[in-house]
Amino acid sequence: MTNDTHGDDRSPMVISTPQDLISAVPYLLGFHPQNSFVAVGSGGPHGTCAMRVDLPLAERAPWAPLDSTDGSWCGAGETDAGARAGVGEAEAIGERVAETLARNGFPLALLVGYGPAGRVTPLIDATIPALAESGVRVREALRVEDDRFWSYLCTDPACCPAEGNRFDITTSSIAAQAILDGQVALSGRAELARTVAPLDGAVRASMRKATRCAEERLFGWVEEALDPAVVRARIIGDGLGFVRRLMDRVGSEGTMPTDDEIAWLGVVLTHLRVRDEAWVRVDLDRLDRHVEFWRAVLCRVEQPYAAAPACLLAYAAFSRGDGGLANVALDRAFDADPDYSMAGLLRDLISAGLPPSEARLRMTPAELAEAYGEHADSEQEKEAS
C-alpha cells in the first residue's frame, strides 16, 4: 500500500505493513489520535485524505467532528458546520466516510480505530460495507489499543493472534522519514488546539495595552467625524494600506508584527472590505509564512477581534493541506463570534470534502476592488502609495 501524498516537498510514505499504517496516521493528522476512528483514502487524483472521528458514546447522538490531514490535502475536516457536536451512529459515520472518499476519487481506504473493541468494531462493521457499496476497496482495517493492534481482515492466528500484535512507532522507518521531512505529530488534538490558543502573562498584558491604544485611536476618529460613513471610509482607507504593507512584509521578509500592529490589525479587520483584502493577499506560493503570520496574530490578538485572524489562519492552513490546524483555528473563530460568516463558509468547504486546490481563492486584489465597486486606477494609486 502506498500513501501517495503529493502537493508539497515531502517524500511519499510507503505503507507496506500494519505497523507502517499505525506509524503514518499521526503524521497525516498532525497529532496522535485517541479514542478515534481514522479513515485514510489513497490512490486518488488529489493525493491522500485522512479523516478522524471521535469514537461513538452510547449516550450521545449527533455528528462528531472529523479532522483532516497535515501535509496532504484531506477533503474532510469538521463534518459539523457549527460547534463541535456529539457523536453519530456508526452507520451514519460509515456512510459519511464512504461518500467523501468516493466523491473525491479514492479507490482505496485504510481504516484504524483507536480504543476498545466495543467502541471500534461497530464503526468498522458499518464502514466496510458502506465503502464497498461506494466502490472503495478496504486494504486494511485495524484496531489499536495501548501498544497492540488487531486486524479485522486477517483471520490467520499465526500472524494475527487473539491477544494482538505489539508495535513500536519509534522504530518505524515511516516515523523517521516524517521527522526528516519536518513533519510533527503532536500528542493529541488538544495540543494542536493549544498552538492557536491565546497567549497569557506578560504578552496578554502588553496586548491589552496595545488594544486600548488602538481603540482610543478609533474612538478619536469617531469623535472627530461624528458621521459613521466618514469614519467607515477612513478605517477602510487606512486599513487597506496597512494590510497591504503587512502582507508585503510577510512575503518579502517573513517578519512578525509588533503588538501595536496586531492590535490595529484586529480593529481594521472588523470591516469586511479590509478583511477580504487580507484574504485575497494570502500568497499561495508562501503559505508557510502566511500560516505562521496569522497564527502569531491569532495567539496575541484580544478575543473580541479574533474571528477574522482565525479564519485567515484557517484558510492559509487548509490551502496548504493542513486541515487539522484549519479546524482548530475555526473553533477559535466560532468562540469569538458564533455567527461569523467566513468561519461558516470555510467549515462548509472542509466538510464538503473538497481538496484544498478547489477551495483556494482565485481572485486578484484588482478583481476584489472591482467587486467592491472601486475603480482600477484608484486601486493602482493606493498600491503605489
Protein backbone atom coordinates (compact mmCIF):
# COMPACT_ATOMS: atom_id res chain seq x y z
CA MET A 1 0.00 0.00 0.00
CA THR A 2 1.38 3.40 -0.90
CA ASN A 3 0.37 6.69 0.63
CA ASP A 4 0.79 8.84 -2.47
CA THR A 5 0.76 12.18 -0.73
CA HIS A 6 1.89 14.97 -3.00
CA GLY A 7 1.47 18.70 -3.38
CA ASP A 8 4.50 19.50 -1.19
CA ASP A 9 8.17 18.64 -0.98
CA ARG A 10 7.80 15.72 1.40
CA SER A 11 8.70 12.22 0.39
CA PRO A 12 5.77 9.84 -0.21
CA MET A 13 5.13 7.42 2.64
CA VAL A 14 5.33 3.79 1.53
CA ILE A 15 2.92 1.81 3.72
CA SER A 16 3.52 -1.91 3.41
CA THR A 17 2.62 -3.27 6.87
CA PRO A 18 0.02 -2.61 9.58
CA GLN A 19 2.76 -1.03 11.72
CA ASP A 20 3.59 1.33 8.83
CA LEU A 21 -0.05 2.41 8.75
CA ILE A 22 -0.19 2.97 12.52
CA SER A 23 3.06 4.94 12.29
CA ALA A 24 1.83 7.10 9.40
CA VAL A 25 -1.54 8.18 10.83
CA PRO A 26 -0.19 10.64 13.46
CA TYR A 27 1.83 12.41 10.79
CA LEU A 28 -1.14 12.55 8.41
CA LEU A 29 -3.33 14.09 11.11
CA GLY A 30 -0.63 16.14 12.79
CA PHE A 31 -1.30 14.54 16.18
CA HIS A 32 -1.62 11.13 17.82
CA PRO A 33 -5.32 10.16 17.79
CA GLN A 34 -7.01 8.84 20.91
CA ASN A 35 -10.49 7.32 21.17
CA SER A 36 -10.77 7.92 17.45
CA PHE A 37 -11.74 6.30 14.18
CA VAL A 38 -9.48 7.24 11.26
CA ALA A 39 -10.13 6.59 7.57
CA VAL A 40 -7.32 7.17 5.07
CA GLY A 41 -8.11 7.42 1.37
CA SER A 42 -5.27 6.69 -1.06
CA GLY A 43 -4.65 6.31 -4.78
CA GLY A 44 -6.82 9.29 -5.65
CA PRO A 45 -6.18 12.18 -8.04
CA HIS A 46 -5.55 14.74 -5.27
CA GLY A 47 -3.09 12.91 -3.02
CA THR A 48 -4.12 11.40 0.31
CA CYS A 49 -7.09 12.15 2.54
CA ALA A 50 -7.26 11.21 6.23
CA MET A 51 -10.39 11.73 8.32
CA ARG A 52 -10.81 11.36 12.07
CA VAL A 53 -13.99 10.98 14.09
CA ASP A 54 -14.46 10.58 17.84
CA LEU A 55 -15.50 7.06 18.82
CA PRO A 56 -19.25 6.92 19.48
CA LEU A 57 -20.59 7.04 23.01
CA ALA A 58 -23.96 5.41 23.61
CA GLU A 59 -25.44 8.44 25.34
CA ARG A 60 -24.62 10.87 22.52
CA ALA A 61 -26.24 11.14 19.13
CA PRO A 62 -25.34 13.94 16.64
CA TRP A 63 -22.24 14.26 14.48
CA ALA A 64 -18.69 14.13 15.75
CA PRO A 65 -16.05 16.35 14.19
CA LEU A 66 -13.72 14.97 11.55
CA ASP A 67 -10.16 16.27 11.37
CA SER A 68 -8.18 16.46 8.17
CA THR A 69 -4.60 15.65 7.35
CA ASP A 70 -1.45 17.62 7.84
CA GLY A 71 0.68 17.80 4.72
CA SER A 72 -1.65 16.01 2.30
CA TRP A 73 -4.90 17.53 1.17
CA CYS A 74 -7.69 15.71 3.03
CA GLY A 75 -11.06 16.91 1.88
CA ALA A 76 -12.96 16.23 5.07
CA GLY A 77 -12.44 18.39 8.08
CA GLU A 78 -15.02 19.04 10.72
CA THR A 79 -18.17 17.39 9.42
CA ASP A 80 -20.27 19.59 11.63
CA ALA A 81 -20.80 23.05 10.17
CA GLY A 82 -21.30 24.66 13.55
CA ALA A 83 -19.99 23.99 17.01
CA ARG A 84 -18.34 20.71 17.93
CA ALA A 85 -21.26 18.34 18.48
CA GLY A 86 -21.81 14.83 19.75
CA VAL A 87 -21.25 11.54 18.01
CA GLY A 88 -23.50 9.98 15.40
CA GLU A 89 -24.46 6.35 14.92
CA ALA A 90 -21.92 4.02 13.34
CA GLU A 91 -23.93 3.63 10.13
CA ALA A 92 -24.17 7.37 9.58
CA ILE A 93 -20.44 7.82 10.15
CA GLY A 94 -19.62 4.95 7.79
CA GLU A 95 -21.85 6.39 5.08
CA ARG A 96 -20.26 9.83 5.50
CA VAL A 97 -16.73 8.43 5.21
CA ALA A 98 -17.65 6.35 2.17
CA GLU A 99 -19.39 9.24 0.43
CA THR A 100 -16.45 11.59 0.98
CA LEU A 101 -13.79 9.16 -0.24
CA ALA A 102 -15.80 8.01 -3.26
CA ARG A 103 -16.75 11.53 -4.32
CA ASN A 104 -13.10 12.56 -4.32
CA GLY A 105 -11.98 9.60 -6.41
CA PHE A 106 -10.19 7.44 -3.83
CA PRO A 107 -10.26 3.77 -4.90
CA LEU A 108 -8.58 2.51 -1.69
CA ALA A 109 -9.19 3.01 2.03
CA LEU A 110 -7.28 2.15 5.20
CA LEU A 111 -9.21 2.11 8.48
CA VAL A 112 -7.83 2.39 12.02
CA GLY A 113 -9.84 2.54 15.23
CA TYR A 114 -8.15 3.67 18.44
CA GLY A 115 -9.85 2.30 21.53
CA PRO A 116 -11.69 -0.70 22.98
CA ALA A 117 -13.31 -3.26 20.70
CA GLY A 118 -16.82 -2.44 21.92
CA ARG A 119 -16.50 1.08 20.54
CA VAL A 120 -14.33 0.47 17.48
CA THR A 121 -15.89 -2.67 15.98
CA PRO A 122 -19.35 -1.17 15.26
CA LEU A 123 -17.69 1.59 13.22
CA ILE A 124 -15.53 -0.87 11.29
CA ASP A 125 -18.53 -3.14 10.67
CA ALA A 126 -20.57 -0.21 9.36
CA THR A 127 -17.86 1.46 7.28
CA ILE A 128 -16.50 -1.55 5.34
CA PRO A 129 -19.81 -2.35 3.58
CA ALA A 130 -20.53 1.35 3.04
CA LEU A 131 -17.18 1.71 1.29
CA ALA A 132 -17.81 -1.43 -0.77
CA GLU A 133 -21.15 -0.03 -1.93
CA SER A 134 -19.37 3.16 -2.99
CA GLY A 135 -16.73 1.27 -4.95
CA VAL A 136 -13.91 1.89 -2.48
CA ARG A 137 -11.81 -1.14 -1.54
CA VAL A 138 -10.57 -1.52 2.05
CA ARG A 139 -6.90 -2.53 2.04
CA GLU A 140 -6.58 -2.75 5.83
CA ALA A 141 -8.78 -2.33 8.91
CA LEU A 142 -7.12 -2.22 12.33
CA ARG A 143 -7.93 -1.64 15.96
CA VAL A 144 -5.23 -0.08 18.14
CA GLU A 145 -5.22 -0.09 21.93
CA ASP A 146 -2.20 0.78 24.05
CA ASP A 147 0.80 -0.86 22.32
CA ARG A 148 -1.11 -3.57 20.43
CA PHE A 149 -3.10 -3.79 17.21
CA TRP A 150 -5.65 -6.24 15.80
CA SER A 151 -6.62 -6.69 12.14
CA TYR A 152 -10.25 -7.11 11.07
CA LEU A 153 -9.21 -8.53 7.71
CA CYS A 154 -6.66 -11.13 8.84
CA THR A 155 -8.01 -14.45 10.17
CA ASP A 156 -4.69 -16.27 10.49
CA PRO A 157 -3.84 -16.71 14.20
CA ALA A 158 -0.20 -17.25 13.25
CA CYS A 159 0.21 -13.61 12.26
CA CYS A 160 -2.86 -12.10 13.95
CA PRO A 161 -3.15 -13.71 17.40
CA ALA A 162 -6.14 -13.12 19.65
CA GLU A 163 -4.01 -11.11 22.09
CA GLY A 164 -2.97 -8.74 19.29
CA ASN A 165 0.41 -7.73 17.92
CA ARG A 166 2.78 -5.40 19.69
CA PHE A 167 4.07 -2.34 17.81
CA ASP A 168 6.53 0.45 18.44
CA ILE A 169 6.17 3.58 16.32
CA THR A 170 9.57 4.86 17.36
CA THR A 171 11.29 2.07 15.45
CA SER A 172 9.33 2.66 12.23
CA SER A 173 11.02 4.00 9.10
CA ILE A 174 7.78 5.90 8.42
CA ALA A 175 8.24 7.98 11.58
CA ALA A 176 11.92 8.53 10.82
CA GLN A 177 11.08 9.68 7.30
CA ALA A 178 8.34 12.00 8.52
CA ILE A 179 10.63 13.62 11.09
CA LEU A 180 13.34 14.02 8.46
CA ASP A 181 10.79 15.80 6.25
CA GLY A 182 9.96 18.20 9.08
CA GLN A 183 6.59 16.73 9.98
CA VAL A 184 5.41 16.87 13.57
CA ALA A 185 2.92 14.63 15.36
CA LEU A 186 1.62 16.34 18.50
CA SER A 187 0.40 14.34 21.49
CA GLY A 188 -3.27 14.90 20.64
CA ARG A 189 -5.84 17.30 19.23
CA ALA A 190 -5.81 19.27 22.48
CA GLU A 191 -2.13 20.04 21.99
CA LEU A 192 -2.86 21.16 18.42
CA ALA A 193 -5.57 23.48 19.75
CA ARG A 194 -3.07 24.95 22.20
CA THR A 195 -0.92 26.11 19.27
CA VAL A 196 -3.64 28.64 18.41
CA ALA A 197 -4.74 29.44 21.98
CA PRO A 198 -4.41 32.99 23.36
CA LEU A 199 -1.07 33.72 24.98
CA ASP A 200 -1.25 34.96 28.55
CA GLY A 201 1.04 36.53 31.14
CA ALA A 202 3.17 39.48 30.06
CA VAL A 203 2.17 39.02 26.42
CA ARG A 204 -1.52 39.38 27.26
CA ALA A 205 -0.91 42.44 29.41
CA SER A 206 1.05 44.06 26.57
CA MET A 207 -1.70 43.24 24.06
CA ARG A 208 -4.40 44.69 26.31
CA LYS A 209 -2.46 47.94 26.50
CA ALA A 210 -1.88 47.99 22.73
CA THR A 211 -5.54 47.24 22.06
CA ARG A 212 -6.68 50.08 24.32
CA CYS A 213 -4.46 52.43 22.33
CA ALA A 214 -5.89 51.13 19.03
CA GLU A 215 -9.45 51.55 20.27
CA GLU A 216 -8.71 55.06 21.53
CA ARG A 217 -7.39 55.91 18.09
CA LEU A 218 -10.61 54.67 16.56
CA PHE A 219 -12.76 56.50 19.13
CA GLY A 220 -10.85 59.69 18.35
CA TRP A 221 -11.85 59.34 14.70
CA VAL A 222 -15.48 58.83 15.73
CA GLU A 223 -15.49 61.95 17.92
CA GLU A 224 -13.76 63.95 15.21
CA ALA A 225 -16.05 62.97 12.34
CA LEU A 226 -19.40 62.22 14.05
CA ASP A 227 -20.52 60.71 10.73
CA PRO A 228 -20.44 56.87 10.59
CA ALA A 229 -19.91 56.89 6.82
CA VAL A 230 -16.87 59.14 7.12
CA VAL A 231 -15.42 57.01 9.92
CA ARG A 232 -16.02 53.84 7.94
CA ALA A 233 -14.31 55.28 4.83
CA ARG A 234 -11.35 56.38 6.94
CA ILE A 235 -10.98 52.96 8.58
CA ILE A 236 -11.18 51.20 5.22
CA GLY A 237 -8.72 53.59 3.57
CA ASP A 238 -6.21 53.28 6.40
CA GLY A 239 -6.85 49.56 6.83
CA LEU A 240 -6.30 48.68 3.17
CA GLY A 241 -2.93 50.40 3.07
CA PHE A 242 -1.95 48.88 6.41
CA VAL A 243 -2.87 45.34 5.35
CA ARG A 244 -1.04 45.69 2.04
CA ARG A 245 2.14 46.80 3.80
CA LEU A 246 1.93 43.95 6.30
CA MET A 247 1.30 41.36 3.59
CA ASP A 248 4.23 42.69 1.56
CA ARG A 249 6.41 42.21 4.64
CA VAL A 250 5.18 38.65 5.11
CA GLY A 251 6.03 37.83 1.50
CA SER A 252 9.43 39.50 1.36
CA GLU A 253 10.80 39.27 4.90
CA GLY A 254 8.57 36.92 6.86
CA THR A 255 8.86 39.23 9.88
CA MET A 256 6.28 39.06 12.65
CA PRO A 257 4.14 42.11 13.52
CA THR A 258 4.52 44.11 16.73
CA ASP A 259 1.86 44.20 19.45
CA ASP A 260 0.72 47.64 18.27
CA GLU A 261 0.43 46.40 14.69
CA ILE A 262 -1.56 43.34 15.77
CA ALA A 263 -3.91 45.47 17.87
CA TRP A 264 -4.63 47.85 15.00
CA LEU A 265 -4.92 44.96 12.57
CA GLY A 266 -7.57 43.39 14.79
CA VAL A 267 -9.55 46.65 14.75
CA VAL A 268 -9.43 47.25 10.97
CA LEU A 269 -10.18 43.60 10.14
CA THR A 270 -13.63 44.06 11.69
CA HIS A 271 -14.54 45.72 8.38
CA LEU A 272 -15.21 43.14 5.68
CA ARG A 273 -13.54 45.14 2.92
CA VAL A 274 -10.27 45.16 4.86
CA ARG A 275 -10.62 41.51 5.87
CA ASP A 276 -11.24 40.49 2.27
CA GLU A 277 -8.12 42.40 1.22
CA ALA A 278 -6.11 40.33 3.68
CA TRP A 279 -7.85 37.17 2.44
CA VAL A 280 -7.09 37.78 -1.22
CA ARG A 281 -3.45 38.52 -0.37
CA VAL A 282 -2.73 35.13 1.22
CA ASP A 283 0.10 34.11 -1.10
CA LEU A 284 -0.36 30.50 -2.23
CA ASP A 285 3.36 30.31 -3.03
CA ARG A 286 4.33 31.30 0.53
CA LEU A 287 1.72 29.52 2.61
CA ASP A 288 4.12 28.55 5.40
CA ARG A 289 4.88 32.22 6.05
CA HIS A 290 1.22 33.18 6.00
CA VAL A 291 0.28 30.35 8.35
CA GLU A 292 2.88 31.45 10.88
CA PHE A 293 1.92 35.12 10.48
CA TRP A 294 -1.78 34.56 11.11
CA ARG A 295 -1.08 32.06 13.89
CA ALA A 296 1.04 34.71 15.65
CA VAL A 297 -1.71 37.29 15.20
CA LEU A 298 -4.42 34.92 16.46
CA CYS A 299 -2.46 33.93 19.57
CA ARG A 300 -1.88 37.58 20.54
CA VAL A 301 -4.98 39.49 19.40
CA GLU A 302 -7.65 40.20 22.00
CA GLN A 303 -10.64 37.82 21.92
CA PRO A 304 -13.25 40.30 20.56
CA TYR A 305 -11.07 40.69 17.45
CA ALA A 306 -10.12 37.02 16.98
CA ALA A 307 -12.71 35.86 14.40
CA ALA A 308 -11.12 37.38 11.29
CA PRO A 309 -7.49 36.36 12.06
CA ALA A 310 -8.70 32.87 12.99
CA CYS A 311 -10.44 32.49 9.64
CA LEU A 312 -7.45 33.82 7.72
CA LEU A 313 -5.25 31.29 9.52
CA ALA A 314 -7.78 28.53 8.76
CA TYR A 315 -7.79 29.47 5.08
CA ALA A 316 -3.98 29.54 4.82
CA ALA A 317 -3.66 26.25 6.73
CA PHE A 318 -6.28 24.43 4.68
CA SER A 319 -4.77 25.80 1.44
CA ARG A 320 -1.51 24.03 2.27
CA GLY A 321 -3.36 20.81 3.19
CA ASP A 322 -3.29 21.24 6.98
CA GLY A 323 -6.93 20.55 7.79
CA GLY A 324 -6.30 19.81 11.47
CA LEU A 325 -4.84 23.27 12.07
CA ALA A 326 -7.62 24.82 9.98
CA ASN A 327 -10.23 23.14 12.15
CA VAL A 328 -8.83 24.27 15.50
CA ALA A 329 -8.46 27.80 14.10
CA LEU A 330 -12.12 27.73 13.10
CA ASP A 331 -13.01 26.64 16.63
CA ARG A 332 -11.38 29.88 17.82
CA ALA A 333 -13.34 31.86 15.25
CA PHE A 334 -16.65 30.42 16.41
CA ASP A 335 -15.69 31.04 20.04
CA ALA A 336 -15.18 34.70 19.22
CA ASP A 337 -18.29 35.02 17.03
CA PRO A 338 -20.63 32.02 16.57
CA ASP A 339 -22.27 33.72 13.58
CA TYR A 340 -19.14 34.79 11.71
CA SER A 341 -19.95 34.09 8.07
CA MET A 342 -16.42 33.38 6.82
CA ALA A 343 -15.98 30.74 9.52
CA GLY A 344 -19.21 29.06 8.44
CA LEU A 345 -18.15 29.16 4.78
CA LEU A 346 -14.76 27.60 5.44
CA ARG A 347 -16.18 24.90 7.67
CA ASP A 348 -18.74 24.03 4.99
CA LEU A 349 -15.99 23.80 2.37
CA ILE A 350 -13.93 21.46 4.54
CA SER A 351 -16.99 19.41 5.47
CA ALA A 352 -17.95 19.05 1.82
CA GLY A 353 -14.76 17.08 1.21
CA LEU A 354 -13.19 19.50 -1.24
CA PRO A 355 -9.43 19.25 -1.80
CA PRO A 356 -7.59 22.48 -0.89
CA SER A 357 -6.79 23.13 -4.55
CA GLU A 358 -10.50 23.63 -5.20
CA ALA A 359 -11.12 25.76 -2.11
CA ARG A 360 -8.42 28.34 -2.78
CA LEU A 361 -9.44 31.89 -3.59
CA ARG A 362 -8.60 32.71 -7.20
CA MET A 363 -9.43 36.43 -7.10
CA THR A 364 -6.72 39.07 -7.51
CA PRO A 365 -6.61 42.29 -5.45
CA ALA A 366 -7.66 44.24 -8.55
CA GLU A 367 -10.65 41.95 -9.10
CA LEU A 368 -11.60 42.32 -5.44
CA ALA A 369 -11.50 46.12 -5.75
CA GLU A 370 -13.71 45.90 -8.83
CA ALA A 371 -16.15 43.64 -6.97
CA TYR A 372 -16.44 46.33 -4.30
CA GLY A 373 -17.13 48.94 -6.99
CA GLU A 374 -13.74 50.61 -6.71
CA HIS A 375 -12.01 51.95 -9.80
CA ALA A 376 -8.96 50.12 -11.03
CA ASP A 377 -6.94 53.33 -11.39
CA SER A 378 -7.81 54.25 -7.79
CA GLU A 379 -6.65 50.81 -6.68
CA GLN A 380 -3.36 51.23 -8.53
CA GLU A 381 -2.82 54.62 -6.91
CA LYS A 382 -3.35 53.04 -3.49
CA GLU A 383 -0.88 50.28 -4.33
CA ALA A 384 1.73 52.87 -5.27
CA SER A 385 1.18 54.98 -2.18
